[in-house]
Amino acid sequence: MISIIIVTYDSESSIQGCLESIYKKNNLALEIVLVDNASKDQTVNIVNNYPLRLVVIKNKKNIGFAAAVNQGARIARGEYLLFLNPDTVVKKGCIEEMVSFFEKKKDAAVVGCKVVNPDGTLQPSCGSFPTIGNIILDRIPILNKFFKTELIRQEDFYSKEQTSDWISGVFFMVRRDVFGKLGGFDEKYFLYVEDIDFCYRAKQAGYKIYYNPKAEIIHYDMGKSKERKKFKAQQMRKGFSIFFEKYKSSYYLFLWKMVLAVESIFRPRL
């Protein structure tokens, strides 16, 4: 069985399409555990009236993505856990392909798929662990022309099956026993970088992380308003700060804080 864990927050515009894409486009035994982080819109009503059975957890406050995923994982029964964003559409055969991949790659702990925008263009969904250098290169347009890092890979990069440092939490499939052994997501992260942190710990423990382009989803990325972009930027920086504090030296963390200080003076975002 596959347990699909979806965390919602004001997801009324997307959740039904996501659920329909799951149920209509696969023939596997699965359960869906939906954790709602105190939505203020009609998300919960839509889910409650959905014709097929879901396991629904309703939180009284927004506890963050990492904590909500862990909440869902604790009651999940599947051999594999799939963490899926609500603003996604799962393409036909995607989940079956992922299960088949796990069965062939016995050393795989986490596997991600190809993630595309509604117009078919690619979204970054795997890459190298963050460093101060690649964060800066990703976000300064002049340097983007000369250096190819995570956010600006060429399309052929995502056409190849490969091992990776991290897999995006938009679609994050993991063996349940591995997720449990490693203690789940670190709940210090509210939103963003928890996926990278888990993959880092998995690799330290000797597990492999894979990217499988034969499986594909569409990600609508509903958080593109000016306010949401600002919130995302803030949370990403907080996430990187937690990551560097956990795994890098105090000197490295000092340098990162200097980068953030310079950024706050000269640019709204790197």
C-alpha atoms as a PDB file:
ATOM      1  CA  MET A   1       0.000   0.000   0.000  1.00  0.00           C
ATOM      2  CA  ILE A   2       1.049   3.591  -0.671  1.00  0.00           C
ATOM      3  CA  SER A   3       0.130   6.271   1.843  1.00  0.00           C
ATOM      4  CA  ILE A   4      -0.232   9.698   0.253  1.00  0.00           C
ATOM      5  CA  ILE A   5       0.092  12.539   2.743  1.00  0.00           C
ATOM      6  CA  ILE A   6      -1.187  15.942   1.643  1.00  0.00           C
ATOM      7  CA  VAL A   7      -0.846  19.039   3.796  1.00  0.00           C
ATOM      8  CA  THR A   8      -3.380  21.741   2.999  1.00  0.00           C
ATOM      9  CA  TYR A   9      -3.639  25.394   3.928  1.00  0.00           C
ATOM     10  CA  ASP A  10      -6.289  27.462   2.130  1.00  0.00           C
ATOM     11  CA  SER A  11      -6.177  25.000  -0.754  1.00  0.00           C
ATOM     12  CA  GLU A  12      -9.794  25.206  -1.946  1.00  0.00           C
ATOM     13  CA  SER A  13      -8.837  26.125  -5.503  1.00  0.00           C
ATOM     14  CA  SER A  14      -6.617  23.094  -6.064  1.00  0.00           C
ATOM     15  CA  ILE A  15      -7.348  20.209  -3.703  1.00  0.00           C
ATOM     16  CA  GLN A  16     -10.190  18.607  -5.661  1.00  0.00           C
ATOM     17  CA  GLY A  17      -8.164  18.490  -8.873  1.00  0.00           C
ATOM     18  CA  CYS A  18      -5.276  16.948  -6.991  1.00  0.00           C
ATOM     19  CA  LEU A  19      -7.448  14.237  -5.447  1.00  0.00           C
ATOM     20  CA  GLU A  20      -9.152  13.417  -8.743  1.00  0.00           C
ATOM     21  CA  SER A  21      -5.804  13.035 -10.492  1.00  0.00           C
ATOM     22  CA  ILE A  22      -4.721  10.511  -7.850  1.00  0.00           C
ATOM     23  CA  TYR A  23      -7.854   8.386  -7.869  1.00  0.00           C
ATOM     24  CA  LYS A  24      -8.488   8.431 -11.617  1.00  0.00           C
ATOM     25  CA  LYS A  25      -4.970   7.781 -12.838  1.00  0.00           C
ATOM     26  CA  ASN A  26      -3.701   4.754 -10.939  1.00  0.00           C
ATOM     27  CA  ASN A  27      -4.794   1.244 -10.021  1.00  0.00           C
ATOM     28  CA  LEU A  28      -2.785   0.796  -6.832  1.00  0.00           C
ATOM     29  CA  ALA A  29      -3.925   0.144  -3.296  1.00  0.00           C
ATOM     30  CA  LEU A  30      -3.526   3.447  -1.505  1.00  0.00           C
ATOM     31  CA  GLU A  31      -4.745   5.603   1.322  1.00  0.00           C
ATOM     32  CA  ILE A  32      -4.796   9.376   1.476  1.00  0.00           C
ATOM     33  CA  VAL A  33      -4.065  11.135   4.738  1.00  0.00           C
ATOM     34  CA  LEU A  34      -4.895  14.810   4.510  1.00  0.00           C
ATOM     35  CA  VAL A  35      -3.622  17.147   7.221  1.00  0.00           C
ATOM     36  CA  ASP A  36      -5.238  20.588   7.178  1.00  0.00           C
ATOM     37  CA  ASN A  37      -3.298  23.384   8.837  1.00  0.00           C
ATOM     38  CA  ALA A  38      -6.266  25.498   9.980  1.00  0.00           C
ATOM     39  CA  SER A  39      -7.491  26.619   6.556  1.00  0.00           C
ATOM     40  CA  LYS A  40      -9.696  29.694   6.599  1.00  0.00           C
ATOM     41  CA  ASP A  41     -11.353  28.918   3.260  1.00  0.00           C
ATOM     42  CA  GLN A  42     -13.538  25.988   2.122  1.00  0.00           C
ATOM     43  CA  THR A  43     -10.776  23.382   1.920  1.00  0.00           C
ATOM     44  CA  VAL A  44     -12.098  21.252   4.784  1.00  0.00           C
ATOM     45  CA  ASN A  45     -15.690  21.353   3.480  1.00  0.00           C
ATOM     46  CA  ILE A  46     -14.545  20.250   0.027  1.00  0.00           C
ATOM     47  CA  VAL A  47     -12.562  17.383   1.525  1.00  0.00           C
ATOM     48  CA  ASN A  48     -15.376  16.328   3.857  1.00  0.00           C
ATOM     49  CA  ASN A  49     -17.788  16.153   0.903  1.00  0.00           C
ATOM     50  CA  TYR A  50     -15.385  14.285  -1.358  1.00  0.00           C
ATOM     51  CA  PRO A  51     -17.071  11.060  -2.542  1.00  0.00           C
ATOM     52  CA  LEU A  52     -14.115   8.802  -1.754  1.00  0.00           C
ATOM     53  CA  ARG A  53     -12.863   8.142   1.755  1.00  0.00           C
ATOM     54  CA  LEU A  54      -9.944  10.118   3.130  1.00  0.00           C
ATOM     55  CA  VAL A  55      -8.321  10.174   6.529  1.00  0.00           C
ATOM     56  CA  VAL A  56      -8.522  13.830   7.577  1.00  0.00           C
ATOM     57  CA  ILE A  57      -6.669  15.522  10.422  1.00  0.00           C
ATOM     58  CA  LYS A  58      -7.849  19.067  11.212  1.00  0.00           C
ATOM     59  CA  ASN A  59      -5.339  21.187  13.080  1.00  0.00           C
ATOM     60  CA  LYS A  60      -6.566  24.161  15.094  1.00  0.00           C
ATOM     61  CA  LYS A  61      -3.525  26.193  14.074  1.00  0.00           C
ATOM     62  CA  ASN A  62      -0.953  26.178  11.295  1.00  0.00           C
ATOM     63  CA  ILE A  63       1.830  24.014  12.710  1.00  0.00           C
ATOM     64  CA  GLY A  64       3.934  24.147   9.560  1.00  0.00           C
ATOM     65  CA  PHE A  65       4.585  21.701   6.741  1.00  0.00           C
ATOM     66  CA  ALA A  66       7.225  19.521   8.407  1.00  0.00           C
ATOM     67  CA  ALA A  67       5.207  18.977  11.578  1.00  0.00           C
ATOM     68  CA  ALA A  68       2.014  18.288   9.615  1.00  0.00           C
ATOM     69  CA  VAL A  69       3.743  15.702   7.407  1.00  0.00           C
ATOM     70  CA  ASN A  70       5.069  13.943  10.506  1.00  0.00           C
ATOM     71  CA  GLN A  71       1.557  14.007  11.949  1.00  0.00           C
ATOM     72  CA  GLY A  72       0.197  12.252   8.877  1.00  0.00           C
ATOM     73  CA  ALA A  73       3.102   9.807   8.673  1.00  0.00           C
ATOM     74  CA  ARG A  74       2.493   8.596  12.221  1.00  0.00           C
ATOM     75  CA  ILE A  75      -0.884   7.129  11.263  1.00  0.00           C
ATOM     76  CA  ALA A  76      -0.004   6.056   7.713  1.00  0.00           C
ATOM     77  CA  ARG A  77      -0.033   2.318   7.011  1.00  0.00           C
ATOM     78  CA  GLY A  78       1.673   2.093   3.632  1.00  0.00           C
ATOM     79  CA  GLU A  79       5.054   0.604   2.858  1.00  0.00           C
ATOM     80  CA  TYR A  80       5.800   3.797   0.957  1.00  0.00           C
ATOM     81  CA  LEU A  81       4.946   7.355   1.980  1.00  0.00           C
ATOM     82  CA  LEU A  82       4.299   9.967  -0.693  1.00  0.00           C
ATOM     83  CA  PHE A  83       4.275  13.600   0.403  1.00  0.00           C
ATOM     84  CA  LEU A  84       2.376  15.564  -2.215  1.00  0.00           C
ATOM     85  CA  ASN A  85       1.517  19.256  -2.530  1.00  0.00           C
ATOM     86  CA  PRO A  86      -2.198  20.015  -2.937  1.00  0.00           C
ATOM     87  CA  ASP A  87      -1.583  22.274  -5.963  1.00  0.00           C
ATOM     88  CA  THR A  88      -0.424  19.375  -8.116  1.00  0.00           C
ATOM     89  CA  VAL A  89      -1.887  17.037 -10.718  1.00  0.00           C
ATOM     90  CA  VAL A  90      -0.463  13.519 -10.834  1.00  0.00           C
ATOM     91  CA  LYS A  91      -0.053  12.284 -14.400  1.00  0.00           C
ATOM     92  CA  LYS A  92      -1.218   8.844 -15.454  1.00  0.00           C
ATOM     93  CA  GLY A  93       1.127   6.049 -14.440  1.00  0.00           C
ATOM     94  CA  CYS A  94       3.230   8.287 -12.212  1.00  0.00           C
ATOM     95  CA  ILE A  95       2.723   6.500  -8.905  1.00  0.00           C
ATOM     96  CA  GLU A  96       2.922   3.046 -10.485  1.00  0.00           C
ATOM     97  CA  GLU A  97       6.232   4.024 -12.071  1.00  0.00           C
ATOM     98  CA  MET A  98       7.562   5.195  -8.717  1.00  0.00           C
ATOM     99  CA  VAL A  99       6.613   1.964  -6.958  1.00  0.00           C
ATOM    100  CA  SER A 100       8.241  -0.027  -9.752  1.00  0.00           C
ATOM    101  CA  PHE A 101      11.369   2.103  -9.405  1.00  0.00           C
ATOM    102  CA  PHE A 102      11.583   1.404  -5.669  1.00  0.00           C
ATOM    103  CA  GLU A 103      11.190  -2.293  -6.311  1.00  0.00           C
ATOM    104  CA  LYS A 104      14.053  -2.252  -8.823  1.00  0.00           C
ATOM    105  CA  LYS A 105      16.314   0.011  -6.747  1.00  0.00           C
ATOM    106  CA  LYS A 106      16.508  -1.727  -3.417  1.00  0.00           C
ATOM    107  CA  ASP A 107      19.031   0.843  -2.171  1.00  0.00           C
ATOM    108  CA  ALA A 108      16.650   3.761  -2.805  1.00  0.00           C
ATOM    109  CA  ALA A 109      15.381   5.512   0.310  1.00  0.00           C
ATOM    110  CA  VAL A 110      13.859   8.603  -1.323  1.00  0.00           C
ATOM    111  CA  VAL A 111      12.774   9.089  -4.942  1.00  0.00           C
ATOM    112  CA  GLY A 112      11.482  12.198  -6.680  1.00  0.00           C
ATOM    113  CA  CYS A 113       9.892  12.705 -10.083  1.00  0.00           C
ATOM    114  CA  LYS A 114       9.904  15.252 -12.880  1.00  0.00           C
ATOM    115  CA  VAL A 115       7.940  18.382 -11.922  1.00  0.00           C
ATOM    116  CA  VAL A 116       6.600  20.670 -14.635  1.00  0.00           C
ATOM    117  CA  ASN A 117       4.628  23.896 -14.796  1.00  0.00           C
ATOM    118  CA  PRO A 118       1.174  23.913 -16.419  1.00  0.00           C
ATOM    119  CA  ASP A 119       2.799  25.055 -19.680  1.00  0.00           C
ATOM    120  CA  GLY A 120       5.173  22.078 -19.624  1.00  0.00           C
ATOM    121  CA  THR A 121       8.308  23.971 -18.638  1.00  0.00           C
ATOM    122  CA  LEU A 122      10.423  22.430 -15.923  1.00  0.00           C
ATOM    123  CA  GLN A 123      10.586  23.256 -12.237  1.00  0.00           C
ATOM    124  CA  PRO A 124      13.774  22.446 -10.279  1.00  0.00           C
ATOM    125  CA  SER A 125      13.074  19.301  -8.283  1.00  0.00           C
ATOM    126  CA  CYS A 126      16.481  17.896  -7.351  1.00  0.00           C
ATOM    127  CA  GLY A 127      20.044  19.085  -6.965  1.00  0.00           C
ATOM    128  CA  SER A 128      23.090  19.578  -4.782  1.00  0.00           C
ATOM    129  CA  PHE A 129      23.025  20.455  -1.110  1.00  0.00           C
ATOM    130  CA  PRO A 130      22.922  24.222  -0.469  1.00  0.00           C
ATOM    131  CA  THR A 131      26.081  26.210   0.032  1.00  0.00           C
ATOM    132  CA  ILE A 132      26.537  29.951   0.341  1.00  0.00           C
ATOM    133  CA  GLY A 133      28.093  29.901  -3.120  1.00  0.00           C
ATOM    134  CA  ASN A 134      25.319  28.115  -4.999  1.00  0.00           C
ATOM    135  CA  ILE A 135      22.594  30.120  -3.234  1.00  0.00           C
ATOM    136  CA  ILE A 136      24.214  33.352  -4.421  1.00  0.00           C
ATOM    137  CA  LEU A 137      24.798  32.024  -7.942  1.00  0.00           C
ATOM    138  CA  ASP A 138      21.176  30.919  -8.217  1.00  0.00           C
ATOM    139  CA  ARG A 139      19.873  34.371  -7.372  1.00  0.00           C
ATOM    140  CA  ILE A 140      22.121  36.885  -9.129  1.00  0.00           C
ATOM    141  CA  PRO A 141      21.044  37.230 -12.782  1.00  0.00           C
ATOM    142  CA  ILE A 142      24.454  38.332 -14.106  1.00  0.00           C
ATOM    143  CA  LEU A 143      26.153  35.248 -12.640  1.00  0.00           C
ATOM    144  CA  ASN A 144      23.348  32.981 -13.878  1.00  0.00           C
ATOM    145  CA  LYS A 145      24.630  33.449 -17.409  1.00  0.00           C
ATOM    146  CA  PHE A 146      27.956  31.862 -16.581  1.00  0.00           C
ATOM    147  CA  PHE A 147      27.217  29.282 -13.905  1.00  0.00           C
ATOM    148  CA  LYS A 148      24.577  26.542 -14.080  1.00  0.00           C
ATOM    149  CA  THR A 149      23.282  25.704 -10.637  1.00  0.00           C
ATOM    150  CA  GLU A 150      20.065  24.216  -9.213  1.00  0.00           C
ATOM    151  CA  LEU A 151      17.505  26.764 -10.349  1.00  0.00           C
ATOM    152  CA  ILE A 152      18.929  27.239 -13.818  1.00  0.00           C
ATOM    153  CA  ARG A 153      19.762  23.733 -15.029  1.00  0.00           C
ATOM    154  CA  GLN A 154      19.278  22.958 -18.681  1.00  0.00           C
ATOM    155  CA  GLU A 155      16.351  20.746 -19.642  1.00  0.00           C
ATOM    156  CA  ASP A 156      18.522  17.743 -20.436  1.00  0.00           C
ATOM    157  CA  PHE A 157      19.627  17.637 -16.793  1.00  0.00           C
ATOM    158  CA  TYR A 158      16.090  16.618 -15.814  1.00  0.00           C
ATOM    159  CA  SER A 159      15.755  14.052 -18.583  1.00  0.00           C
ATOM    160  CA  LYS A 160      18.200  11.633 -16.953  1.00  0.00           C
ATOM    161  CA  GLU A 161      17.726   9.163 -14.128  1.00  0.00           C
ATOM    162  CA  GLN A 162      20.296   9.982 -11.473  1.00  0.00           C
ATOM    163  CA  THR A 163      21.234   9.987  -7.839  1.00  0.00           C
ATOM    164  CA  SER A 164      20.856  13.381  -6.212  1.00  0.00           C
ATOM    165  CA  ASP A 165      21.608  15.168  -2.968  1.00  0.00           C
ATOM    166  CA  TRP A 166      18.025  16.274  -2.408  1.00  0.00           C
ATOM    167  CA  ILE A 167      14.524  15.775  -3.798  1.00  0.00           C
ATOM    168  CA  SER A 168      11.788  18.407  -3.712  1.00  0.00           C
ATOM    169  CA  GLY A 169       9.031  18.100  -1.107  1.00  0.00           C
ATOM    170  CA  VAL A 170       6.458  18.920  -3.817  1.00  0.00           C
ATOM    171  CA  PHE A 171       6.535  15.174  -4.605  1.00  0.00           C
ATOM    172  CA  PHE A 172       8.658  13.251  -2.114  1.00  0.00           C
ATOM    173  CA  MET A 173       8.358   9.463  -1.958  1.00  0.00           C
ATOM    174  CA  VAL A 174      10.159   7.597   0.817  1.00  0.00           C
ATOM    175  CA  ARG A 175      10.194   4.157   2.361  1.00  0.00           C
ATOM    176  CA  ARG A 176       8.175   4.346   5.550  1.00  0.00           C
ATOM    177  CA  ASP A 177      10.738   2.377   7.582  1.00  0.00           C
ATOM    178  CA  VAL A 178      13.496   4.793   6.553  1.00  0.00           C
ATOM    179  CA  PHE A 179      11.369   7.832   7.372  1.00  0.00           C
ATOM    180  CA  GLY A 180      10.735   6.372  10.830  1.00  0.00           C
ATOM    181  CA  LYS A 181      14.341   5.378  11.469  1.00  0.00           C
ATOM    182  CA  LEU A 182      15.547   8.889  10.675  1.00  0.00           C
ATOM    183  CA  GLY A 183      12.914  10.544  12.843  1.00  0.00           C
ATOM    184  CA  GLY A 184      10.866  12.107  10.073  1.00  0.00           C
ATOM    185  CA  PHE A 185      11.193  15.748   9.075  1.00  0.00           C
ATOM    186  CA  ASP A 186      12.911  18.124  11.489  1.00  0.00           C
ATOM    187  CA  GLU A 187      10.091  20.288  12.845  1.00  0.00           C
ATOM    188  CA  LYS A 188      12.421  23.255  13.382  1.00  0.00           C
ATOM    189  CA  TYR A 189      11.647  23.978   9.734  1.00  0.00           C
ATOM    190  CA  PHE A 190       8.236  25.584   9.309  1.00  0.00           C
ATOM    191  CA  LEU A 191       8.156  25.500   5.505  1.00  0.00           C
ATOM    192  CA  TYR A 192      10.970  24.784   3.013  1.00  0.00           C
ATOM    193  CA  VAL A 193      14.362  23.054   3.418  1.00  0.00           C
ATOM    194  CA  GLU A 194      12.933  20.229   5.567  1.00  0.00           C
ATOM    195  CA  ASP A 195      13.143  18.015   2.468  1.00  0.00           C
ATOM    196  CA  ILE A 196      16.808  18.910   1.945  1.00  0.00           C
ATOM    197  CA  ASP A 197      17.569  18.308   5.608  1.00  0.00           C
ATOM    198  CA  PHE A 198      15.991  14.855   5.542  1.00  0.00           C
ATOM    199  CA  CYS A 199      17.927  13.893   2.421  1.00  0.00           C
ATOM    200  CA  TYR A 200      21.131  15.094   4.057  1.00  0.00           C
ATOM    201  CA  ARG A 201      20.527  12.858   7.065  1.00  0.00           C
ATOM    202  CA  ALA A 202      19.560   9.961   4.804  1.00  0.00           C
ATOM    203  CA  LYS A 203      22.796  10.236   2.838  1.00  0.00           C
ATOM    204  CA  GLN A 204      24.805  10.481   6.053  1.00  0.00           C
ATOM    205  CA  ALA A 205      23.151   7.223   7.131  1.00  0.00           C
ATOM    206  CA  GLY A 206      24.208   5.533   3.879  1.00  0.00           C
ATOM    207  CA  TYR A 207      20.918   5.684   1.953  1.00  0.00           C
ATOM    208  CA  LYS A 208      20.553   6.755  -1.683  1.00  0.00           C
ATOM    209  CA  ILE A 209      18.381   9.523  -3.110  1.00  0.00           C
ATOM    210  CA  TYR A 210      17.141   9.147  -6.695  1.00  0.00           C
ATOM    211  CA  TYR A 211      15.505  11.300  -9.331  1.00  0.00           C
ATOM    212  CA  ASN A 212      13.241   9.410 -11.766  1.00  0.00           C
ATOM    213  CA  PRO A 213      12.160  11.413 -14.856  1.00  0.00           C
ATOM    214  CA  LYS A 214       9.815   8.684 -16.097  1.00  0.00           C
ATOM    215  CA  ALA A 215       7.262   9.768 -13.475  1.00  0.00           C
ATOM    216  CA  GLU A 216       5.789  13.248 -13.838  1.00  0.00           C
ATOM    217  CA  ILE A 217       3.445  15.693 -12.119  1.00  0.00           C
ATOM    218  CA  ILE A 218       2.182  19.183 -12.858  1.00  0.00           C
ATOM    219  CA  HIS A 219       2.753  21.735 -10.110  1.00  0.00           C
ATOM    220  CA  TYR A 220       0.565  24.831 -10.313  1.00  0.00           C
ATOM    221  CA  ASP A 221       2.496  26.628  -7.540  1.00  0.00           C
ATOM    222  CA  MET A 222      -0.391  28.693  -6.195  1.00  0.00           C
ATOM    223  CA  GLY A 223       1.922  30.844  -4.053  1.00  0.00           C
ATOM    224  CA  LYS A 224       2.956  33.343  -6.740  1.00  0.00           C
ATOM    225  CA  SER A 225       1.392  36.502  -5.339  1.00  0.00           C
ATOM    226  CA  LYS A 226       3.745  39.248  -4.150  1.00  0.00           C
ATOM    227  CA  GLU A 227       2.941  38.476  -0.517  1.00  0.00           C
ATOM    228  CA  ARG A 228       3.481  34.733  -0.979  1.00  0.00           C
ATOM    229  CA  LYS A 229       6.790  35.306  -2.759  1.00  0.00           C
ATOM    230  CA  LYS A 230       7.974  37.456   0.135  1.00  0.00           C
ATOM    231  CA  PHE A 231       6.862  34.818   2.647  1.00  0.00           C
ATOM    232  CA  LYS A 232       8.618  32.083   0.647  1.00  0.00           C
ATOM    233  CA  ALA A 233      11.841  34.083   0.512  1.00  0.00           C
ATOM    234  CA  GLN A 234      11.732  34.630   4.276  1.00  0.00           C
ATOM    235  CA  GLN A 235      11.080  30.971   5.022  1.00  0.00           C
ATOM    236  CA  MET A 236      13.798  29.792   2.629  1.00  0.00           C
ATOM    237  CA  ARG A 237      16.335  31.997   4.388  1.00  0.00           C
ATOM    238  CA  LYS A 238      15.231  30.762   7.784  1.00  0.00           C
ATOM    239  CA  GLY A 239      15.497  27.209   6.484  1.00  0.00           C
ATOM    240  CA  PHE A 240      19.010  27.694   5.138  1.00  0.00           C
ATOM    241  CA  SER A 241      20.017  29.283   8.449  1.00  0.00           C
ATOM    242  CA  ILE A 242      18.786  26.225  10.368  1.00  0.00           C
ATOM    243  CA  PHE A 243      20.511  23.905   7.889  1.00  0.00           C
ATOM    244  CA  PHE A 244      23.875  25.694   8.141  1.00  0.00           C
ATOM    245  CA  GLU A 245      23.631  25.908  11.922  1.00  0.00           C
ATOM    246  CA  LYS A 246      23.086  22.131  12.099  1.00  0.00           C
ATOM    247  CA  TYR A 247      25.704  20.972   9.645  1.00  0.00           C
ATOM    248  CA  LYS A 248      28.311  23.691   9.133  1.00  0.00           C
ATOM    249  CA  SER A 249      30.911  25.349  11.327  1.00  0.00           C
ATOM    250  CA  SER A 250      30.230  28.468  13.395  1.00  0.00           C
ATOM    251  CA  TYR A 251      32.463  30.399  10.994  1.00  0.00           C
ATOM    252  CA  TYR A 252      30.387  29.241   8.002  1.00  0.00           C
ATOM    253  CA  LEU A 253      27.198  30.292   9.779  1.00  0.00           C
ATOM    254  CA  PHE A 254      28.772  33.698  10.487  1.00  0.00           C
ATOM    255  CA  LEU A 255      29.517  34.132   6.774  1.00  0.00           C
ATOM    256  CA  TRP A 256      25.928  33.206   5.907  1.00  0.00           C
ATOM    257  CA  LYS A 257      24.601  35.816   8.337  1.00  0.00           C
ATOM    258  CA  MET A 258      26.880  38.387   6.706  1.00  0.00           C
ATOM    259  CA  VAL A 259      25.397  37.481   3.315  1.00  0.00           C
ATOM    260  CA  LEU A 260      21.893  38.008   4.705  1.00  0.00           C
ATOM    261  CA  ALA A 261      22.935  41.332   6.211  1.00  0.00           C
ATOM    262  CA  VAL A 262      24.351  42.567   2.906  1.00  0.00           C
ATOM    263  CA  GLU A 263      21.263  41.347   1.077  1.00  0.00           C
ATOM    264  CA  SER A 264      18.977  43.279   3.405  1.00  0.00           C
ATOM    265  CA  ILE A 265      20.838  46.479   2.541  1.00  0.00           C
ATOM    266  CA  PHE A 266      21.187  46.201  -1.220  1.00  0.00           C
ATOM    267  CA  ARG A 267      18.486  43.903  -2.529  1.00  0.00           C
ATOM    268  CA  PRO A 268      14.989  42.712  -1.478  1.00  0.00           C
ATOM    269  CA  ARG A 269      16.014  39.218  -2.534  1.00  0.00           C
ATOM    270  CA  LEU A 270      19.074  37.398  -3.899  1.00  0.00           C
END
